[in-house]
Amino acid sequence: MPVTVKWGKERIAFDLPAPDTPLYAVRKSLAEYTHLPPDAFKLVHAGAIMKDDNAPISAYHLAPNSTIALIGSTDPTTSPSERSVLSTIQSELNSVRSSLQSPLDVFLLAPTDQKEHTRLGELLLQALLRLDGIAAEPSWEHARKERKEAVREVQNMLDRLDNAWAARSL
């Protein structure tokens, strides 16, 4: 069954094995392709982390042409500088602000479209996962503070989205 694996800016066409194959086999194949250790990345489908490596892939309800996000480091052996980490955090936050703030504001005015609610929710969750994947050394207080504030801002956007959706029927 063909699926698309999104890894950064790269799109990988990937044929899944039989439905009873454990997730670990898929993780191992993707690790070989990306040259990342199998435990150095997360797999996300439909906004949920695919974390049980012993579960069959059928447990994740993948359909033909589904998309799986591979979120992880490009080189876990290299420790980036604090400046690089700060740049990554700012880049992710700017991306969220530029691509999701306006659609979120429009949705909050009339929260009636379930597909748009789901789309925005999944994109915000993916942004949170990317921010979660940014590692800052314990001594990098500024980077840790910036990451915490970025997570707080994106989480606030997600909370506003969910609160508006919940309040629509009251």
N, C-alpha and C. Protein backbone atom coordinates (compact mmCIF):
# COMPACT_ATOMS: atom_id res chain seq x y z
N MET A 1 0.85 -1.17 0.00
CA MET A 1 0.00 0.00 0.00
C MET A 1 0.90 1.23 0.00
N PRO A 2 0.72 2.13 -0.97
CA PRO A 2 1.57 3.32 -1.04
C PRO A 2 1.15 4.39 -0.04
N VAL A 3 2.13 4.98 0.62
CA VAL A 3 1.92 6.13 1.50
C VAL A 3 3.02 7.14 1.20
N THR A 4 2.80 8.36 1.68
CA THR A 4 3.81 9.40 1.54
C THR A 4 4.39 9.67 2.93
N VAL A 5 5.70 9.68 3.02
CA VAL A 5 6.37 10.01 4.27
C VAL A 5 6.98 11.39 4.09
N LYS A 6 6.56 12.34 4.93
CA LYS A 6 7.10 13.70 4.89
C LYS A 6 8.24 13.78 5.89
N TRP A 7 9.41 14.14 5.39
CA TRP A 7 10.59 14.28 6.24
C TRP A 7 11.21 15.62 5.93
N GLY A 8 10.94 16.60 6.77
CA GLY A 8 11.39 17.96 6.48
C GLY A 8 10.72 18.44 5.21
N LYS A 9 11.53 18.84 4.23
CA LYS A 9 10.98 19.29 2.95
C LYS A 9 10.88 18.15 1.95
N GLU A 10 11.39 17.00 2.33
CA GLU A 10 11.40 15.85 1.43
C GLU A 10 10.11 15.04 1.54
N ARG A 11 9.67 14.52 0.40
CA ARG A 11 8.51 13.63 0.35
C ARG A 11 9.00 12.28 -0.17
N ILE A 12 8.74 11.23 0.60
CA ILE A 12 9.22 9.90 0.25
C ILE A 12 8.02 9.03 -0.08
N ALA A 13 8.00 8.47 -1.29
CA ALA A 13 6.96 7.50 -1.64
C ALA A 13 7.39 6.17 -1.03
N PHE A 14 6.52 5.58 -0.23
CA PHE A 14 6.89 4.40 0.53
C PHE A 14 5.77 3.37 0.45
N ASP A 15 6.11 2.14 0.11
CA ASP A 15 5.12 1.07 0.10
C ASP A 15 5.14 0.36 1.43
N LEU A 16 4.00 0.34 2.10
CA LEU A 16 3.91 -0.33 3.39
C LEU A 16 3.85 -1.84 3.19
N PRO A 17 4.43 -2.60 4.11
CA PRO A 17 4.32 -4.06 4.06
C PRO A 17 2.91 -4.50 4.49
N ALA A 18 2.74 -5.77 4.67
CA ALA A 18 1.44 -6.35 5.05
C ALA A 18 0.90 -5.68 6.32
N PRO A 19 -0.43 -5.59 6.46
CA PRO A 19 -1.03 -4.91 7.61
C PRO A 19 -0.66 -5.49 8.98
N ASP A 20 -0.27 -6.76 9.03
CA ASP A 20 0.08 -7.36 10.32
C ASP A 20 1.55 -7.15 10.68
N THR A 21 2.28 -6.42 9.86
CA THR A 21 3.69 -6.14 10.12
C THR A 21 3.80 -5.14 11.28
N PRO A 22 4.70 -5.40 12.25
CA PRO A 22 4.84 -4.46 13.36
C PRO A 22 5.42 -3.13 12.88
N LEU A 23 5.07 -2.07 13.57
CA LEU A 23 5.53 -0.73 13.22
C LEU A 23 7.06 -0.66 13.22
N TYR A 24 7.70 -1.47 14.05
CA TYR A 24 9.16 -1.42 14.11
C TYR A 24 9.79 -1.72 12.75
N ALA A 25 9.19 -2.61 11.96
CA ALA A 25 9.73 -2.94 10.64
C ALA A 25 9.69 -1.70 9.72
N VAL A 26 8.62 -0.94 9.81
CA VAL A 26 8.50 0.29 9.02
C VAL A 26 9.53 1.30 9.50
N ARG A 27 9.65 1.44 10.82
CA ARG A 27 10.63 2.36 11.41
C ARG A 27 12.04 2.00 10.95
N LYS A 28 12.34 0.70 10.93
CA LYS A 28 13.67 0.24 10.53
C LYS A 28 13.94 0.58 9.06
N SER A 29 12.94 0.36 8.20
CA SER A 29 13.11 0.69 6.77
C SER A 29 13.34 2.18 6.57
N LEU A 30 12.57 2.99 7.29
CA LEU A 30 12.74 4.44 7.17
C LEU A 30 14.09 4.88 7.75
N ALA A 31 14.54 4.22 8.79
CA ALA A 31 15.85 4.54 9.37
C ALA A 31 16.96 4.24 8.37
N GLU A 32 16.82 3.15 7.63
CA GLU A 32 17.82 2.82 6.61
C GLU A 32 17.83 3.87 5.51
N TYR A 33 16.65 4.32 5.11
CA TYR A 33 16.55 5.31 4.04
C TYR A 33 17.13 6.65 4.48
N THR A 34 16.78 7.09 5.71
CA THR A 34 17.18 8.42 6.19
C THR A 34 18.56 8.44 6.85
N HIS A 35 19.09 7.26 7.14
CA HIS A 35 20.37 7.13 7.85
C HIS A 35 20.28 7.70 9.27
N LEU A 36 19.09 7.66 9.85
CA LEU A 36 18.88 8.05 11.24
C LEU A 36 18.74 6.79 12.08
N PRO A 37 19.14 6.82 13.34
CA PRO A 37 18.86 5.68 14.21
C PRO A 37 17.34 5.53 14.36
N PRO A 38 16.83 4.30 14.44
CA PRO A 38 15.38 4.10 14.54
C PRO A 38 14.72 4.81 15.72
N ASP A 39 15.47 5.04 16.80
CA ASP A 39 14.87 5.71 17.96
C ASP A 39 15.09 7.22 17.95
N ALA A 40 15.61 7.76 16.84
CA ALA A 40 15.92 9.19 16.77
C ALA A 40 14.80 10.00 16.13
N PHE A 41 13.70 9.36 15.77
CA PHE A 41 12.61 10.10 15.15
C PHE A 41 11.25 9.56 15.58
N LYS A 42 10.24 10.41 15.41
CA LYS A 42 8.86 10.04 15.71
C LYS A 42 8.11 9.92 14.39
N LEU A 43 7.14 9.03 14.36
CA LEU A 43 6.25 8.91 13.21
C LEU A 43 4.88 9.41 13.65
N VAL A 44 4.27 10.28 12.82
CA VAL A 44 2.99 10.87 13.16
C VAL A 44 2.04 10.65 11.99
N HIS A 45 0.84 10.15 12.31
CA HIS A 45 -0.20 9.97 11.29
C HIS A 45 -1.50 10.54 11.84
N ALA A 46 -2.14 11.40 11.06
CA ALA A 46 -3.42 12.02 11.43
C ALA A 46 -3.33 12.71 12.80
N GLY A 47 -2.19 13.34 13.07
CA GLY A 47 -2.01 14.10 14.30
C GLY A 47 -1.65 13.28 15.52
N ALA A 48 -1.55 11.95 15.37
CA ALA A 48 -1.23 11.08 16.50
C ALA A 48 0.15 10.46 16.32
N ILE A 49 0.89 10.38 17.40
CA ILE A 49 2.21 9.77 17.36
C ILE A 49 2.05 8.26 17.30
N MET A 50 2.73 7.65 16.35
CA MET A 50 2.72 6.19 16.21
C MET A 50 3.85 5.67 17.10
N LYS A 51 3.55 5.34 18.35
CA LYS A 51 4.61 5.07 19.30
C LYS A 51 4.77 3.62 19.70
N ASP A 52 3.79 2.77 19.45
CA ASP A 52 3.91 1.37 19.85
C ASP A 52 4.55 0.58 18.73
N ASP A 53 5.86 0.36 18.83
CA ASP A 53 6.59 -0.33 17.77
C ASP A 53 6.18 -1.79 17.61
N ASN A 54 5.53 -2.36 18.61
CA ASN A 54 5.11 -3.76 18.53
C ASN A 54 3.73 -3.92 17.91
N ALA A 55 2.98 -2.83 17.80
CA ALA A 55 1.62 -2.89 17.23
C ALA A 55 1.71 -3.09 15.72
N PRO A 56 0.75 -3.82 15.15
CA PRO A 56 0.74 -3.95 13.69
C PRO A 56 0.39 -2.61 13.06
N ILE A 57 0.86 -2.38 11.85
CA ILE A 57 0.59 -1.09 11.21
C ILE A 57 -0.91 -0.89 10.97
N SER A 58 -1.67 -1.98 10.93
CA SER A 58 -3.12 -1.85 10.75
C SER A 58 -3.76 -1.11 11.94
N ALA A 59 -3.13 -1.12 13.10
CA ALA A 59 -3.66 -0.46 14.29
C ALA A 59 -3.69 1.06 14.12
N TYR A 60 -2.93 1.58 13.15
CA TYR A 60 -2.85 3.03 12.96
C TYR A 60 -3.79 3.51 11.85
N HIS A 61 -4.62 2.63 11.31
CA HIS A 61 -5.65 2.98 10.33
C HIS A 61 -5.10 3.72 9.12
N LEU A 62 -3.98 3.24 8.62
CA LEU A 62 -3.40 3.83 7.42
C LEU A 62 -4.20 3.37 6.21
N ALA A 63 -4.43 4.29 5.31
CA ALA A 63 -5.14 3.97 4.07
C ALA A 63 -4.18 4.26 2.91
N PRO A 64 -4.48 3.72 1.72
CA PRO A 64 -3.63 4.06 0.57
C PRO A 64 -3.54 5.58 0.41
N ASN A 65 -2.36 6.05 0.11
CA ASN A 65 -2.06 7.47 -0.09
C ASN A 65 -2.14 8.30 1.20
N SER A 66 -2.09 7.65 2.36
CA SER A 66 -2.00 8.37 3.63
C SER A 66 -0.66 9.08 3.71
N THR A 67 -0.57 10.00 4.64
CA THR A 67 0.69 10.72 4.86
C THR A 67 1.16 10.46 6.28
N ILE A 68 2.42 10.13 6.39
CA ILE A 68 3.07 9.94 7.69
C ILE A 68 4.17 10.99 7.80
N ALA A 69 4.21 11.71 8.90
CA ALA A 69 5.27 12.69 9.13
C ALA A 69 6.38 12.04 9.93
N LEU A 70 7.60 12.17 9.44
CA LEU A 70 8.77 11.68 10.14
C LEU A 70 9.42 12.90 10.77
N ILE A 71 9.42 12.95 12.09
CA ILE A 71 9.93 14.12 12.79
C ILE A 71 11.14 13.69 13.60
N GLY A 72 12.28 14.27 13.27
CA GLY A 72 13.48 13.92 13.99
C GLY A 72 14.67 14.72 13.51
N SER A 73 15.76 14.47 14.12
CA SER A 73 17.00 15.16 13.81
C SER A 73 17.57 14.66 12.50
N THR A 74 18.24 15.53 11.78
CA THR A 74 18.90 15.10 10.56
C THR A 74 20.26 14.48 10.88
N ASP A 75 20.84 14.87 11.99
CA ASP A 75 22.11 14.28 12.39
C ASP A 75 22.22 14.31 13.91
N PRO A 76 21.76 13.25 14.59
CA PRO A 76 21.73 13.28 16.05
C PRO A 76 23.10 13.27 16.71
N THR A 77 24.16 12.99 15.95
CA THR A 77 25.49 12.94 16.55
C THR A 77 26.11 14.33 16.67
N THR A 78 25.57 15.32 15.98
CA THR A 78 26.12 16.66 16.01
C THR A 78 25.32 17.53 16.97
N SER A 79 26.01 18.16 17.88
CA SER A 79 25.34 19.05 18.82
C SER A 79 25.30 20.44 18.22
N PRO A 80 24.10 20.95 17.91
CA PRO A 80 24.04 22.28 17.29
C PRO A 80 24.36 23.36 18.29
N SER A 81 24.73 24.50 17.78
CA SER A 81 25.02 25.62 18.66
C SER A 81 23.71 26.22 19.17
N GLU A 82 23.80 26.96 20.23
CA GLU A 82 22.60 27.60 20.78
C GLU A 82 21.99 28.54 19.75
N ARG A 83 22.81 29.22 19.00
CA ARG A 83 22.31 30.13 17.97
C ARG A 83 21.50 29.38 16.92
N SER A 84 21.98 28.21 16.55
CA SER A 84 21.28 27.38 15.57
C SER A 84 19.93 26.92 16.13
N VAL A 85 19.91 26.53 17.39
CA VAL A 85 18.67 26.10 18.04
C VAL A 85 17.68 27.26 18.10
N LEU A 86 18.16 28.44 18.48
CA LEU A 86 17.29 29.62 18.52
C LEU A 86 16.72 29.93 17.14
N SER A 87 17.55 29.81 16.13
CA SER A 87 17.10 30.04 14.76
C SER A 87 16.02 29.04 14.36
N THR A 88 16.19 27.79 14.73
CA THR A 88 15.20 26.76 14.42
C THR A 88 13.88 27.05 15.12
N ILE A 89 13.95 27.45 16.37
CA ILE A 89 12.74 27.77 17.13
C ILE A 89 12.01 28.95 16.48
N GLN A 90 12.74 30.00 16.18
CA GLN A 90 12.14 31.18 15.57
C GLN A 90 11.56 30.85 14.19
N SER A 91 12.25 30.04 13.44
CA SER A 91 11.77 29.65 12.12
C SER A 91 10.44 28.90 12.22
N GLU A 92 10.36 27.96 13.15
CA GLU A 92 9.12 27.20 13.34
C GLU A 92 7.98 28.12 13.79
N LEU A 93 8.27 29.00 14.73
CA LEU A 93 7.24 29.90 15.23
C LEU A 93 6.78 30.87 14.13
N ASN A 94 7.72 31.39 13.35
CA ASN A 94 7.35 32.28 12.24
C ASN A 94 6.51 31.55 11.21
N SER A 95 6.83 30.31 10.96
CA SER A 95 6.06 29.51 10.01
C SER A 95 4.62 29.33 10.51
N VAL A 96 4.46 29.03 11.78
CA VAL A 96 3.12 28.87 12.35
C VAL A 96 2.35 30.18 12.27
N ARG A 97 3.01 31.26 12.64
CA ARG A 97 2.34 32.57 12.61
C ARG A 97 1.90 32.94 11.20
N SER A 98 2.78 32.74 10.23
CA SER A 98 2.46 33.18 8.87
C SER A 98 1.46 32.27 8.18
N SER A 99 1.47 30.99 8.47
CA SER A 99 0.58 30.08 7.74
C SER A 99 -0.70 29.74 8.49
N LEU A 100 -0.73 29.88 9.81
CA LEU A 100 -1.90 29.44 10.56
C LEU A 100 -2.64 30.54 11.32
N GLN A 101 -1.99 31.65 11.62
CA GLN A 101 -2.65 32.69 12.41
C GLN A 101 -3.88 33.25 11.70
N SER A 102 -3.74 33.61 10.43
CA SER A 102 -4.87 34.17 9.69
C SER A 102 -6.02 33.17 9.53
N PRO A 103 -5.76 31.92 9.10
CA PRO A 103 -6.87 30.96 9.03
C PRO A 103 -7.51 30.70 10.39
N LEU A 104 -6.71 30.73 11.45
CA LEU A 104 -7.25 30.54 12.79
C LEU A 104 -8.18 31.69 13.16
N ASP A 105 -7.76 32.93 12.88
CA ASP A 105 -8.59 34.09 13.19
C ASP A 105 -9.92 34.03 12.44
N VAL A 106 -9.87 33.64 11.17
CA VAL A 106 -11.10 33.51 10.37
C VAL A 106 -12.00 32.42 10.96
N PHE A 107 -11.40 31.30 11.33
CA PHE A 107 -12.19 30.20 11.91
C PHE A 107 -12.85 30.62 13.22
N LEU A 108 -12.12 31.37 14.05
CA LEU A 108 -12.65 31.77 15.35
C LEU A 108 -13.87 32.68 15.22
N LEU A 109 -13.99 33.41 14.10
CA LEU A 109 -15.16 34.27 13.88
C LEU A 109 -16.43 33.45 13.67
N ALA A 110 -16.30 32.29 13.01
CA ALA A 110 -17.47 31.43 12.74
C ALA A 110 -17.00 29.97 12.75
N PRO A 111 -16.86 29.39 13.94
CA PRO A 111 -16.34 28.01 14.05
C PRO A 111 -17.38 26.95 13.69
N THR A 112 -17.64 26.79 12.39
CA THR A 112 -18.68 25.84 11.98
C THR A 112 -18.15 24.73 11.08
N ASP A 113 -16.98 24.89 10.51
CA ASP A 113 -16.45 23.93 9.54
C ASP A 113 -15.59 22.89 10.26
N GLN A 114 -16.12 21.67 10.36
CA GLN A 114 -15.39 20.62 11.08
C GLN A 114 -14.08 20.26 10.40
N LYS A 115 -14.06 20.25 9.06
CA LYS A 115 -12.82 19.92 8.35
C LYS A 115 -11.73 20.95 8.64
N GLU A 116 -12.12 22.23 8.68
CA GLU A 116 -11.14 23.27 8.97
C GLU A 116 -10.66 23.17 10.41
N HIS A 117 -11.54 22.85 11.34
CA HIS A 117 -11.15 22.63 12.73
C HIS A 117 -10.12 21.51 12.81
N THR A 118 -10.41 20.41 12.15
CA THR A 118 -9.49 19.26 12.16
C THR A 118 -8.16 19.62 11.52
N ARG A 119 -8.20 20.30 10.37
CA ARG A 119 -6.97 20.67 9.65
C ARG A 119 -6.10 21.58 10.52
N LEU A 120 -6.70 22.63 11.07
CA LEU A 120 -5.93 23.55 11.90
C LEU A 120 -5.39 22.85 13.15
N GLY A 121 -6.22 22.01 13.77
CA GLY A 121 -5.78 21.28 14.95
C GLY A 121 -4.59 20.38 14.66
N GLU A 122 -4.64 19.66 13.54
CA GLU A 122 -3.54 18.77 13.19
C GLU A 122 -2.27 19.55 12.88
N LEU A 123 -2.40 20.66 12.17
CA LEU A 123 -1.21 21.46 11.85
C LEU A 123 -0.59 22.06 13.10
N LEU A 124 -1.42 22.49 14.04
CA LEU A 124 -0.88 23.03 15.29
C LEU A 124 -0.22 21.94 16.12
N LEU A 125 -0.82 20.74 16.14
CA LEU A 125 -0.20 19.62 16.86
C LEU A 125 1.14 19.25 16.23
N GLN A 126 1.21 19.25 14.91
CA GLN A 126 2.48 18.95 14.25
C GLN A 126 3.54 19.98 14.60
N ALA A 127 3.14 21.25 14.67
CA ALA A 127 4.09 22.30 15.06
C ALA A 127 4.57 22.07 16.50
N LEU A 128 3.66 21.68 17.38
CA LEU A 128 4.07 21.37 18.76
C LEU A 128 5.06 20.22 18.80
N LEU A 129 4.82 19.20 17.98
CA LEU A 129 5.75 18.07 17.94
C LEU A 129 7.12 18.49 17.41
N ARG A 130 7.13 19.35 16.40
CA ARG A 130 8.41 19.83 15.88
C ARG A 130 9.16 20.63 16.94
N LEU A 131 8.43 21.49 17.66
CA LEU A 131 9.07 22.25 18.74
C LEU A 131 9.56 21.32 19.83
N ASP A 132 8.79 20.27 20.12
CA ASP A 132 9.18 19.29 21.13
C ASP A 132 10.46 18.56 20.71
N GLY A 133 10.66 18.41 19.42
CA GLY A 133 11.84 17.71 18.92
C GLY A 133 13.11 18.55 18.91
N ILE A 134 13.00 19.82 19.25
CA ILE A 134 14.17 20.70 19.29
C ILE A 134 14.84 20.54 20.65
N ALA A 135 16.06 20.07 20.63
CA ALA A 135 16.79 19.81 21.87
C ALA A 135 17.69 21.00 22.20
N ALA A 136 17.53 21.52 23.40
CA ALA A 136 18.39 22.60 23.88
C ALA A 136 19.18 22.08 25.08
N GLU A 137 20.46 22.30 25.04
CA GLU A 137 21.32 21.87 26.14
C GLU A 137 20.87 22.54 27.44
N PRO A 138 21.04 21.86 28.58
CA PRO A 138 20.63 22.45 29.86
C PRO A 138 21.27 23.81 30.14
N SER A 139 22.46 24.03 29.63
CA SER A 139 23.15 25.30 29.90
C SER A 139 22.67 26.44 28.98
N TRP A 140 21.88 26.13 27.98
CA TRP A 140 21.39 27.14 27.04
C TRP A 140 20.07 27.72 27.55
N GLU A 141 20.15 28.54 28.57
CA GLU A 141 18.94 29.06 29.21
C GLU A 141 18.08 29.88 28.25
N HIS A 142 18.71 30.68 27.41
CA HIS A 142 17.95 31.52 26.48
C HIS A 142 17.19 30.65 25.48
N ALA A 143 17.84 29.65 24.94
CA ALA A 143 17.18 28.75 23.97
C ALA A 143 16.04 27.99 24.64
N ARG A 144 16.27 27.53 25.85
CA ARG A 144 15.22 26.80 26.57
C ARG A 144 14.01 27.71 26.84
N LYS A 145 14.29 28.96 27.19
CA LYS A 145 13.21 29.92 27.45
C LYS A 145 12.44 30.20 26.16
N GLU A 146 13.15 30.41 25.06
CA GLU A 146 12.49 30.68 23.77
C GLU A 146 11.63 29.50 23.33
N ARG A 147 12.14 28.30 23.51
CA ARG A 147 11.38 27.10 23.14
C ARG A 147 10.11 27.00 23.98
N LYS A 148 10.26 27.26 25.28
CA LYS A 148 9.10 27.20 26.18
C LYS A 148 8.05 28.23 25.77
N GLU A 149 8.47 29.44 25.44
CA GLU A 149 7.54 30.47 25.02
C GLU A 149 6.89 30.13 23.68
N ALA A 150 7.64 29.54 22.77
CA ALA A 150 7.09 29.14 21.48
C ALA A 150 6.04 28.05 21.67
N VAL A 151 6.34 27.07 22.51
CA VAL A 151 5.37 26.00 22.80
C VAL A 151 4.12 26.61 23.43
N ARG A 152 4.31 27.53 24.35
CA ARG A 152 3.17 28.17 25.01
C ARG A 152 2.29 28.91 23.99
N GLU A 153 2.91 29.62 23.05
CA GLU A 153 2.15 30.37 22.05
C GLU A 153 1.35 29.44 21.13
N VAL A 154 2.00 28.38 20.65
CA VAL A 154 1.30 27.44 19.77
C VAL A 154 0.21 26.70 20.54
N GLN A 155 0.49 26.33 21.78
CA GLN A 155 -0.51 25.64 22.59
C GLN A 155 -1.70 26.57 22.84
N ASN A 156 -1.43 27.86 23.03
CA ASN A 156 -2.51 28.83 23.22
C ASN A 156 -3.39 28.91 21.97
N MET A 157 -2.77 28.87 20.79
CA MET A 157 -3.54 28.88 19.54
C MET A 157 -4.43 27.64 19.46
N LEU A 158 -3.88 26.50 19.83
CA LEU A 158 -4.64 25.26 19.80
C LEU A 158 -5.78 25.30 20.82
N ASP A 159 -5.53 25.83 22.00
CA ASP A 159 -6.57 25.96 23.03
C ASP A 159 -7.70 26.87 22.55
N ARG A 160 -7.35 28.00 21.92
CA ARG A 160 -8.37 28.91 21.40
C ARG A 160 -9.22 28.22 20.33
N LEU A 161 -8.57 27.45 19.47
CA LEU A 161 -9.28 26.70 18.43
C LEU A 161 -10.27 25.72 19.06
N ASP A 162 -9.79 24.93 20.00
CA ASP A 162 -10.65 23.92 20.63
C ASP A 162 -11.75 24.54 21.49
N ASN A 163 -11.46 25.64 22.17
CA ASN A 163 -12.47 26.32 22.98
C ASN A 163 -13.58 26.89 22.10
N ALA A 164 -13.20 27.47 20.96
CA ALA A 164 -14.21 28.01 20.04
C ALA A 164 -15.07 26.89 19.47
N TRP A 165 -14.44 25.77 19.17
CA TRP A 165 -15.19 24.62 18.63
C TRP A 165 -16.16 24.08 19.68
N ALA A 166 -15.71 24.00 20.92
CA ALA A 166 -16.56 23.49 21.99
C ALA A 166 -17.71 24.47 22.31
N ALA A 167 -17.45 25.75 22.20
CA ALA A 167 -18.45 26.76 22.56
C ALA A 167 -19.50 26.96 21.46
N ARG A 168 -19.27 26.47 20.27
CA ARG A 168 -20.19 26.70 19.16
C ARG A 168 -21.56 26.12 19.40
N SER A 169 -21.65 25.05 20.19
CA SER A 169 -22.94 24.40 20.39
C SER A 169 -23.62 24.83 21.69
N LEU A 170 -22.98 25.73 22.43
CA LEU A 170 -23.58 26.17 23.71
C LEU A 170 -24.65 27.21 23.50
